[in-house]
C-alpha atoms as a PDB file:
ATOM      1  CA  MET A   1       0.000   0.000   0.000  1.00  0.00           C
ATOM      2  CA  LEU A   2       1.272   3.447  -0.958  1.00  0.00           C
ATOM      3  CA  ARG A   3       1.638   6.562   1.195  1.00  0.00           C
ATOM      4  CA  VAL A   4       1.542   9.734  -0.883  1.00  0.00           C
ATOM      5  CA  LEU A   5       1.532  13.513  -0.519  1.00  0.00           C
ATOM      6  CA  ALA A   6      -0.449  15.874  -2.788  1.00  0.00           C
ATOM      7  CA  VAL A   7       0.726  19.498  -3.107  1.00  0.00           C
ATOM      8  CA  ASP A   8      -1.348  22.262  -4.735  1.00  0.00           C
ATOM      9  CA  ASP A   9      -1.953  25.895  -3.762  1.00  0.00           C
ATOM     10  CA  GLU A  10      -5.514  25.830  -5.178  1.00  0.00           C
ATOM     11  CA  LEU A  11      -7.735  24.288  -2.508  1.00  0.00           C
ATOM     12  CA  PRO A  12     -10.466  22.856  -4.805  1.00  0.00           C
ATOM     13  CA  ALA A  13      -7.830  21.189  -6.989  1.00  0.00           C
ATOM     14  CA  LEU A  14      -6.037  19.832  -3.905  1.00  0.00           C
ATOM     15  CA  GLU A  15      -9.227  18.433  -2.404  1.00  0.00           C
ATOM     16  CA  GLU A  16     -10.210  16.788  -5.703  1.00  0.00           C
ATOM     17  CA  LEU A  17      -6.759  15.233  -6.133  1.00  0.00           C
ATOM     18  CA  CYS A  18      -6.737  13.898  -2.565  1.00  0.00           C
ATOM     19  CA  TYR A  19     -10.226  12.475  -3.033  1.00  0.00           C
ATOM     20  CA  LEU A  20      -9.244  10.632  -6.221  1.00  0.00           C
ATOM     21  CA  LEU A  21      -6.062   9.292  -4.650  1.00  0.00           C
ATOM     22  CA  ARG A  22      -7.897   8.012  -1.575  1.00  0.00           C
ATOM     23  CA  GLU A  23     -10.379   6.199  -3.827  1.00  0.00           C
ATOM     24  CA  ASP A  24      -7.574   4.153  -5.342  1.00  0.00           C
ATOM     25  CA  PRO A  25      -7.249   0.793  -3.507  1.00  0.00           C
ATOM     26  CA  ARG A  26      -3.444   0.920  -3.852  1.00  0.00           C
ATOM     27  CA  ILE A  27      -3.269   4.096  -1.735  1.00  0.00           C
ATOM     28  CA  GLU A  28      -3.017   3.603   2.033  1.00  0.00           C
ATOM     29  CA  GLN A  29      -2.718   7.295   2.909  1.00  0.00           C
ATOM     30  CA  ALA A  30      -2.992  10.536   0.903  1.00  0.00           C
ATOM     31  CA  THR A  31      -2.050  13.754   2.721  1.00  0.00           C
ATOM     32  CA  GLY A  32      -2.567  17.235   1.293  1.00  0.00           C
ATOM     33  CA  ALA A  33      -0.388  20.359   1.515  1.00  0.00           C
ATOM     34  CA  GLY A  34      -1.226  23.859   0.241  1.00  0.00           C
ATOM     35  CA  ASP A  35       2.319  24.820  -0.765  1.00  0.00           C
ATOM     36  CA  ALA A  36       5.881  23.537  -0.850  1.00  0.00           C
ATOM     37  CA  ALA A  37       6.733  24.894   2.615  1.00  0.00           C
ATOM     38  CA  ALA A  38       3.815  22.983   4.169  1.00  0.00           C
ATOM     39  CA  ALA A  39       4.852  19.893   2.208  1.00  0.00           C
ATOM     40  CA  LEU A  40       8.387  20.108   3.636  1.00  0.00           C
ATOM     41  CA  ARG A  41       6.989  20.380   7.164  1.00  0.00           C
ATOM     42  CA  ASN A  42       4.836  17.293   6.550  1.00  0.00           C
ATOM     43  CA  LEU A  43       7.813  15.441   5.142  1.00  0.00           C
ATOM     44  CA  SER A  44       9.969  16.404   8.129  1.00  0.00           C
ATOM     45  CA  ARG A  45       7.350  15.089  10.574  1.00  0.00           C
ATOM     46  CA  MET A  46       7.104  11.834   8.624  1.00  0.00           C
ATOM     47  CA  LEU A  47      10.884  11.380   8.678  1.00  0.00           C
ATOM     48  CA  VAL A  48      11.057  11.918  12.423  1.00  0.00           C
ATOM     49  CA  ALA A  49       8.144   9.537  13.048  1.00  0.00           C
ATOM     50  CA  GLY A  50       9.824   6.897  10.916  1.00  0.00           C
ATOM     51  CA  ASP A  51       7.016   6.948   8.330  1.00  0.00           C
ATOM     52  CA  ARG A  52       7.816   6.425   4.681  1.00  0.00           C
ATOM     53  CA  LEU A  53       6.613   8.570   1.778  1.00  0.00           C
ATOM     54  CA  ASP A  54       6.333   6.762  -1.538  1.00  0.00           C
ATOM     55  CA  ALA A  55       5.356   9.588  -3.889  1.00  0.00           C
ATOM     56  CA  VAL A  56       4.530  13.287  -4.205  1.00  0.00           C
ATOM     57  CA  PHE A  57       1.801  14.446  -6.604  1.00  0.00           C
ATOM     58  CA  LEU A  58       2.995  17.959  -7.231  1.00  0.00           C
ATOM     59  CA  ASP A  59       1.679  21.134  -8.854  1.00  0.00           C
ATOM     60  CA  ILE A  60       4.268  23.296 -10.646  1.00  0.00           C
ATOM     61  CA  ARG A  61       3.118  26.914 -10.559  1.00  0.00           C
ATOM     62  CA  MET A  62       2.881  27.803  -6.875  1.00  0.00           C
ATOM     63  CA  PRO A  63       3.845  30.929  -4.914  1.00  0.00           C
ATOM     64  CA  GLY A  64       7.218  30.825  -3.206  1.00  0.00           C
ATOM     65  CA  LEU A  65       8.982  27.544  -3.907  1.00  0.00           C
ATOM     66  CA  ASP A  66       7.530  26.128  -7.133  1.00  0.00           C
ATOM     67  CA  GLY A  67       7.095  22.464  -7.951  1.00  0.00           C
ATOM     68  CA  LEU A  68      10.309  22.124  -9.956  1.00  0.00           C
ATOM     69  CA  ASP A  69      12.411  23.644  -7.158  1.00  0.00           C
ATOM     70  CA  PHE A  70      10.668  21.428  -4.600  1.00  0.00           C
ATOM     71  CA  SER A  71      11.449  18.390  -6.735  1.00  0.00           C
ATOM     72  CA  ARG A  72      15.136  19.396  -6.776  1.00  0.00           C
ATOM     73  CA  LEU A  73      15.087  19.575  -2.962  1.00  0.00           C
ATOM     74  CA  LEU A  74      13.703  16.058  -2.745  1.00  0.00           C
ATOM     75  CA  THR A  75      16.741  14.655  -4.555  1.00  0.00           C
ATOM     76  CA  GLY A  76      18.809  15.530  -1.473  1.00  0.00           C
ATOM     77  CA  PHE A  77      17.031  12.928   0.652  1.00  0.00           C
ATOM     78  CA  ALA A  78      18.552   9.497   1.206  1.00  0.00           C
ATOM     79  CA  ALA A  79      15.454   7.795  -0.223  1.00  0.00           C
ATOM     80  CA  PRO A  80      13.525  10.453  -2.189  1.00  0.00           C
ATOM     81  CA  PRO A  81       9.885   9.746  -3.047  1.00  0.00           C
ATOM     82  CA  GLU A  82       8.737   9.348  -6.633  1.00  0.00           C
ATOM     83  CA  VAL A  83       7.434  12.572  -8.183  1.00  0.00           C
ATOM     84  CA  VAL A  84       4.331  12.928 -10.349  1.00  0.00           C
ATOM     85  CA  PHE A  85       3.609  16.440 -11.613  1.00  0.00           C
ATOM     86  CA  VAL A  86      -0.043  17.480 -11.790  1.00  0.00           C
ATOM     87  CA  THR A  87      -0.365  20.837 -13.550  1.00  0.00           C
ATOM     88  CA  ALA A  88      -2.446  22.949 -15.916  1.00  0.00           C
ATOM     89  CA  HIS A  89       0.684  23.896 -17.890  1.00  0.00           C
ATOM     90  CA  ASP A  90       2.210  21.730 -20.578  1.00  0.00           C
ATOM     91  CA  ASP A  91       5.372  23.809 -21.086  1.00  0.00           C
ATOM     92  CA  CYS A  92       7.377  22.294 -18.207  1.00  0.00           C
ATOM     93  CA  ALA A  93       7.242  18.633 -19.197  1.00  0.00           C
ATOM     94  CA  VAL A  94      10.812  18.512 -20.519  1.00  0.00           C
ATOM     95  CA  ALA A  95      12.204  20.109 -17.337  1.00  0.00           C
ATOM     96  CA  ALA A  96      10.086  17.757 -15.208  1.00  0.00           C
ATOM     97  CA  TYR A  97      11.379  14.607 -16.882  1.00  0.00           C
ATOM     98  CA  GLU A  98      14.961  15.905 -16.735  1.00  0.00           C
ATOM     99  CA  LEU A  99      14.469  16.023 -12.948  1.00  0.00           C
ATOM    100  CA  GLY A 100      13.444  12.377 -12.982  1.00  0.00           C
ATOM    101  CA  ALA A 101       9.659  12.797 -12.730  1.00  0.00           C
ATOM    102  CA  LEU A 102       7.812   9.513 -13.035  1.00  0.00           C
ATOM    103  CA  ASP A 103       4.774  11.032 -14.770  1.00  0.00           C
ATOM    104  CA  TYR A 104       3.295  14.351 -15.911  1.00  0.00           C
ATOM    105  CA  LEU A 105      -0.484  14.853 -15.662  1.00  0.00           C
ATOM    106  CA  LEU A 106      -2.443  17.773 -17.085  1.00  0.00           C
ATOM    107  CA  LYS A 107      -5.414  19.303 -15.299  1.00  0.00           C
ATOM    108  CA  PRO A 108      -8.266  18.602 -15.167  1.00  0.00           C
ATOM    109  CA  VAL A 109      -7.079  15.181 -14.123  1.00  0.00           C
ATOM    110  CA  ARG A 110      -9.012  12.240 -15.510  1.00  0.00           C
ATOM    111  CA  PRO A 111      -9.454   9.402 -12.977  1.00  0.00           C
ATOM    112  CA  GLU A 112      -8.182   6.786 -15.422  1.00  0.00           C
ATOM    113  CA  ARG A 113      -5.066   8.854 -16.155  1.00  0.00           C
ATOM    114  CA  LEU A 114      -4.396   9.274 -12.422  1.00  0.00           C
ATOM    115  CA  ALA A 115      -4.860   5.530 -11.944  1.00  0.00           C
ATOM    116  CA  GLU A 116      -2.151   4.946 -14.559  1.00  0.00           C
ATOM    117  CA  ALA A 117       0.201   7.290 -12.673  1.00  0.00           C
ATOM    118  CA  VAL A 118      -0.495   5.413  -9.431  1.00  0.00           C
ATOM    119  CA  ARG A 119       0.272   2.143 -11.221  1.00  0.00           C
ATOM    120  CA  ARG A 120       3.647   3.535 -12.307  1.00  0.00           C
ATOM    121  CA  VAL A 121       4.388   4.676  -8.757  1.00  0.00           C
ATOM    122  CA  ASP A 122       3.430   1.268  -7.372  1.00  0.00           C
ATOM    123  CA  GLU A 123       5.745  -0.508  -9.806  1.00  0.00           C
ATOM    124  CA  ALA A 124       8.630   1.896  -9.144  1.00  0.00           C
ATOM    125  CA  VAL A 125       8.296   1.580  -5.365  1.00  0.00           C
ATOM    126  CA  HIS A 126       8.273  -2.224  -5.471  1.00  0.00           C
ATOM    127  CA  ARG A 127      11.318  -2.270  -7.765  1.00  0.00           C
ATOM    128  CA  ALA A 128      13.182  -0.047  -5.312  1.00  0.00           C
ATOM    129  CA  LEU A 129      12.367  -2.048  -2.162  1.00  0.00           C
ATOM    130  CA  PRO A 130      15.594  -3.328  -0.551  1.00  0.00           C
ATOM    131  CA  SER A 131      15.966  -7.031   0.081  1.00  0.00           C
ATOM    132  CA  GLU A 132      15.356  -8.140   3.650  1.00  0.00           C
ATOM    133  CA  GLY A 133      18.455  -7.597   5.746  1.00  0.00           C
ATOM    134  CA  GLY A 134      19.966  -5.190   3.204  1.00  0.00           C
ATOM    135  CA  PRO A 135      22.123  -2.247   4.242  1.00  0.00           C
ATOM    136  CA  PRO A 136      20.388   0.866   5.626  1.00  0.00           C
ATOM    137  CA  ALA A 137      20.548   4.219   3.877  1.00  0.00           C
ATOM    138  CA  GLU A 138      23.968   5.817   4.326  1.00  0.00           C
ATOM    139  CA  ASP A 139      22.671   9.208   5.413  1.00  0.00           C
ATOM    140  CA  GLU A 140      19.517  11.203   5.950  1.00  0.00           C
ATOM    141  CA  MET A 141      18.723  14.821   5.184  1.00  0.00           C
ATOM    142  CA  VAL A 142      16.813  16.910   7.735  1.00  0.00           C
ATOM    143  CA  PRO A 143      14.911  19.927   6.322  1.00  0.00           C
ATOM    144  CA  VAL A 144      15.307  23.045   8.492  1.00  0.00           C
ATOM    145  CA  GLU A 145      13.807  26.484   7.907  1.00  0.00           C
ATOM    146  CA  LEU A 146      16.118  29.501   8.022  1.00  0.00           C
ATOM    147  CA  GLY A 147      14.588  32.928   7.445  1.00  0.00           C
ATOM    148  CA  GLY A 148      12.090  31.753   4.859  1.00  0.00           C
ATOM    149  CA  ARG A 149      14.571  29.384   3.203  1.00  0.00           C
ATOM    150  CA  THR A 150      14.756  25.618   3.584  1.00  0.00           C
ATOM    151  CA  ARG A 151      18.126  23.971   4.116  1.00  0.00           C
ATOM    152  CA  LEU A 152      18.851  20.248   4.111  1.00  0.00           C
ATOM    153  CA  VAL A 153      21.170  19.265   6.976  1.00  0.00           C
ATOM    154  CA  PRO A 154      22.877  15.846   6.649  1.00  0.00           C
ATOM    155  CA  ARG A 155      22.461  13.627   9.700  1.00  0.00           C
ATOM    156  CA  SER A 156      26.140  12.728   9.410  1.00  0.00           C
ATOM    157  CA  SER A 157      27.082  16.355  10.154  1.00  0.00           C
ATOM    158  CA  VAL A 158      25.152  16.425  13.451  1.00  0.00           C
ATOM    159  CA  THR A 159      27.427  16.022  16.493  1.00  0.00           C
ATOM    160  CA  HIS A 160      24.730  16.232  19.166  1.00  0.00           C
ATOM    161  CA  VAL A 161      21.110  17.223  19.711  1.00  0.00           C
ATOM    162  CA  GLU A 162      19.547  19.152  22.599  1.00  0.00           C
ATOM    163  CA  ALA A 163      15.880  19.183  23.580  1.00  0.00           C
ATOM    164  CA  GLN A 164      14.363  22.666  23.861  1.00  0.00           C
ATOM    165  CA  GLY A 165      10.686  22.418  24.754  1.00  0.00           C
ATOM    166  CA  ASP A 166       8.731  21.195  21.724  1.00  0.00           C
ATOM    167  CA  TYR A 167      11.853  21.614  19.591  1.00  0.00           C
ATOM    168  CA  VAL A 168      15.301  20.092  19.254  1.00  0.00           C
ATOM    169  CA  ARG A 169      18.491  21.931  18.377  1.00  0.00           C
ATOM    170  CA  LEU A 170      20.769  20.104  15.960  1.00  0.00           C
ATOM    171  CA  HIS A 171      24.427  20.982  16.529  1.00  0.00           C
ATOM    172  CA  THR A 172      26.948  20.727  13.680  1.00  0.00           C
ATOM    173  CA  ASP A 173      30.454  22.101  13.145  1.00  0.00           C
ATOM    174  CA  GLU A 174      28.926  24.845  10.976  1.00  0.00           C
ATOM    175  CA  GLY A 175      26.228  25.956  13.424  1.00  0.00           C
ATOM    176  CA  SER A 176      23.002  24.876  15.109  1.00  0.00           C
ATOM    177  CA  TYR A 177      19.460  24.539  13.798  1.00  0.00           C
ATOM    178  CA  LEU A 178      16.132  24.537  15.631  1.00  0.00           C
ATOM    179  CA  VAL A 179      13.637  21.945  14.400  1.00  0.00           C
ATOM    180  CA  ARG A 180      10.142  21.168  15.683  1.00  0.00           C
ATOM    181  CA  MET A 181      10.281  17.515  16.735  1.00  0.00           C
ATOM    182  CA  SER A 182      10.686  15.477  19.903  1.00  0.00           C
ATOM    183  CA  LEU A 183      14.028  14.186  21.148  1.00  0.00           C
ATOM    184  CA  ALA A 184      12.462  10.815  21.988  1.00  0.00           C
ATOM    185  CA  SER A 185      11.309  10.280  18.393  1.00  0.00           C
ATOM    186  CA  LEU A 186      14.656  11.340  16.998  1.00  0.00           C
ATOM    187  CA  ALA A 187      16.490   9.024  19.414  1.00  0.00           C
ATOM    188  CA  ARG A 188      14.457   6.041  18.196  1.00  0.00           C
ATOM    189  CA  ARG A 189      14.943   6.937  14.539  1.00  0.00           C
ATOM    190  CA  TRP A 190      18.682   7.594  14.740  1.00  0.00           C
ATOM    191  CA  GLU A 191      19.642   4.802  17.134  1.00  0.00           C
ATOM    192  CA  ALA A 192      20.793   2.558  14.273  1.00  0.00           C
ATOM    193  CA  ALA A 193      23.001   5.399  12.998  1.00  0.00           C
ATOM    194  CA  GLY A 194      24.986   5.433  16.255  1.00  0.00           C
ATOM    195  CA  PHE A 195      23.222   8.191  18.200  1.00  0.00           C
ATOM    196  CA  ILE A 196      23.066   7.558  21.943  1.00  0.00           C
ATOM    197  CA  ARG A 197      21.138   9.228  24.752  1.00  0.00           C
ATOM    198  CA  ILE A 198      23.512  10.656  27.389  1.00  0.00           C
ATOM    199  CA  HIS A 199      20.925  12.732  29.231  1.00  0.00           C
ATOM    200  CA  ARG A 200      17.156  13.142  29.140  1.00  0.00           C
ATOM    201  CA  SER A 201      17.724  16.307  27.121  1.00  0.00           C
ATOM    202  CA  THR A 202      20.792  15.325  25.073  1.00  0.00           C
ATOM    203  CA  LEU A 203      21.443  12.939  22.200  1.00  0.00           C
ATOM    204  CA  VAL A 204      24.996  12.455  20.897  1.00  0.00           C
ATOM    205  CA  ALA A 205      26.506  10.921  17.761  1.00  0.00           C
ATOM    206  CA  SER A 206      28.775   8.290  19.311  1.00  0.00           C
ATOM    207  CA  ALA A 207      31.289   8.672  16.467  1.00  0.00           C
ATOM    208  CA  HIS A 208      31.934  12.244  17.638  1.00  0.00           C
ATOM    209  CA  ILE A 209      32.697  11.280  21.269  1.00  0.00           C
ATOM    210  CA  SER A 210      36.457  11.602  21.758  1.00  0.00           C
ATOM    211  CA  GLU A 211      36.689  11.178  25.536  1.00  0.00           C
ATOM    212  CA  LEU A 212      34.745  10.117  28.628  1.00  0.00           C
ATOM    213  CA  ARG A 213      35.670  12.003  31.799  1.00  0.00           C
ATOM    214  CA  PHE A 214      34.859  11.444  35.482  1.00  0.00           C
ATOM    215  CA  ASP A 215      35.036  14.264  38.010  1.00  0.00           C
ATOM    216  CA  GLY A 216      33.697  13.923  41.542  1.00  0.00           C
ATOM    217  CA  GLY A 217      31.535  10.982  40.596  1.00  0.00           C
ATOM    218  CA  ARG A 218      29.978  12.785  37.629  1.00  0.00           C
ATOM    219  CA  ALA A 219      30.625  11.842  34.014  1.00  0.00           C
ATOM    220  CA  ALA A 220      30.920  13.943  30.882  1.00  0.00           C
ATOM    221  CA  VAL A 221      31.824  13.307  27.240  1.00  0.00           C
ATOM    222  CA  GLN A 222      34.006  15.431  24.998  1.00  0.00           C
ATOM    223  CA  VAL A 223      32.289  16.180  21.684  1.00  0.00           C
ATOM    224  CA  GLY A 224      34.379  18.510  19.574  1.00  0.00           C
ATOM    225  CA  GLU A 225      35.045  21.599  21.681  1.00  0.00           C
ATOM    226  CA  GLU A 226      32.140  20.911  24.054  1.00  0.00           C
ATOM    227  CA  LEU A 227      32.056  18.921  27.282  1.00  0.00           C
ATOM    228  CA  LEU A 228      28.568  17.473  27.701  1.00  0.00           C
ATOM    229  CA  PRO A 229      27.314  16.059  31.024  1.00  0.00           C
ATOM    230  CA  VAL A 230      26.202  12.443  31.193  1.00  0.00           C
ATOM    231  CA  SER A 231      23.413  11.621  33.628  1.00  0.00           C
ATOM    232  CA  ARG A 232      23.922   8.842  36.182  1.00  0.00           C
ATOM    233  CA  ARG A 233      21.184   6.859  34.455  1.00  0.00           C
ATOM    234  CA  HIS A 234      23.103   6.780  31.150  1.00  0.00           C
ATOM    235  CA  THR A 235      26.705   6.616  32.414  1.00  0.00           C
ATOM    236  CA  ARG A 236      27.073   2.832  32.234  1.00  0.00           C
ATOM    237  CA  GLU A 237      25.582   2.665  28.727  1.00  0.00           C
ATOM    238  CA  VAL A 238      27.970   5.349  27.452  1.00  0.00           C
ATOM    239  CA  ARG A 239      30.978   3.714  29.151  1.00  0.00           C
ATOM    240  CA  ASP A 240      30.130   0.275  27.734  1.00  0.00           C
ATOM    241  CA  LEU A 241      29.708   1.760  24.262  1.00  0.00           C
ATOM    242  CA  LEU A 242      33.141   3.373  24.351  1.00  0.00           C
ATOM    243  CA  VAL A 243      34.749   0.202  25.694  1.00  0.00           C
ATOM    244  CA  ARG A 244      33.210  -1.817  22.840  1.00  0.00           C
ATOM    245  CA  ARG A 245      34.452   0.729  20.326  1.00  0.00           C
ATOM    246  CA  PHE A 246      37.981   0.621  21.805  1.00  0.00           C
ATOM    247  CA  ARG A 247      38.072  -3.179  21.655  1.00  0.00           C
ATOM    248  CA  HIS A 248      36.738  -3.150  18.092  1.00  0.00           C
ATOM    249  CA  ASN A 249      39.429  -0.705  16.959  1.00  0.00           C
ATOM    250  CA  GLU A 250      42.077  -2.720  18.803  1.00  0.00           C
ATOM    251  CA  ALA A 251      40.920  -5.878  17.036  1.00  0.00           C
ATOM    252  CA  ILE A 252      41.078  -4.168  13.644  1.00  0.00           C
ATOM    253  CA  GLN A 253      44.613  -2.939  14.323  1.00  0.00           C
ATOM    254  CA  GLY A 254      45.602  -6.400  15.454  1.00  0.00           C
ATOM    255  CA  ASP A 255      44.433  -7.853  12.131  1.00  0.00           C
ATOM    256  CA  GLY A 256      46.650  -5.444  10.209  1.00  0.00           C
ATOM    257  CA  PRO A 257      49.575  -6.500   7.968  1.00  0.00           C
ATOM    258  CA  ASP A 258      52.114  -6.216  10.826  1.00  0.00           C
ATOM    259  CA  ALA A 259      50.078  -8.357  13.240  1.00  0.00           C
END
């Protein structure tokens, strides 16, 4: 079953497209967004919740970020959704297909033509499904809003994350970014990528921990130039992680050509 997102700044057209998509038995969920900014927020929430998005049915002429620019942004994600353009304009088809669009529908959309686009999406998604036990995606891009612009921050660049109310602050070597999501959800999603909870309000990329310190019975980890406190509850987990990493590195060195 497919999970899709429809994006159109004209409400009647958006409602009609969502209705037709939800009538298709191959569609599990069809969410609507009134512009590209709202679509990015929806996509960000889905990423954090661990939900997948199989396809975006996308208008082209929209205020602010248009459909072609939005499609270019999607290519920055580790597993970008398929893109189907749904537009009243036939002069952007070449540009759309150059961006890798799966289909290009002209308004008003005929149900049978939309069904054909859904069939193409369904086939593409099943072709792209990884085999069971296959390797996970190498990285993940997190959309953050900066003064009306959207920037994609690679997960691999994040050294640690701090909870700030209903938001989290992602820290990188280049700066920090405030994103509306919960630390608990992010911890679950990024656990397989080596992120570890060191405090109820702090999540750290274990690869960026260079040292574990003890002072007066309290622990802290060195992450770049920052010394971050480790709560008593998480001290043993952090210590065991670093010990395992040390032994792993020692074993690798021992298997070297001079061993």
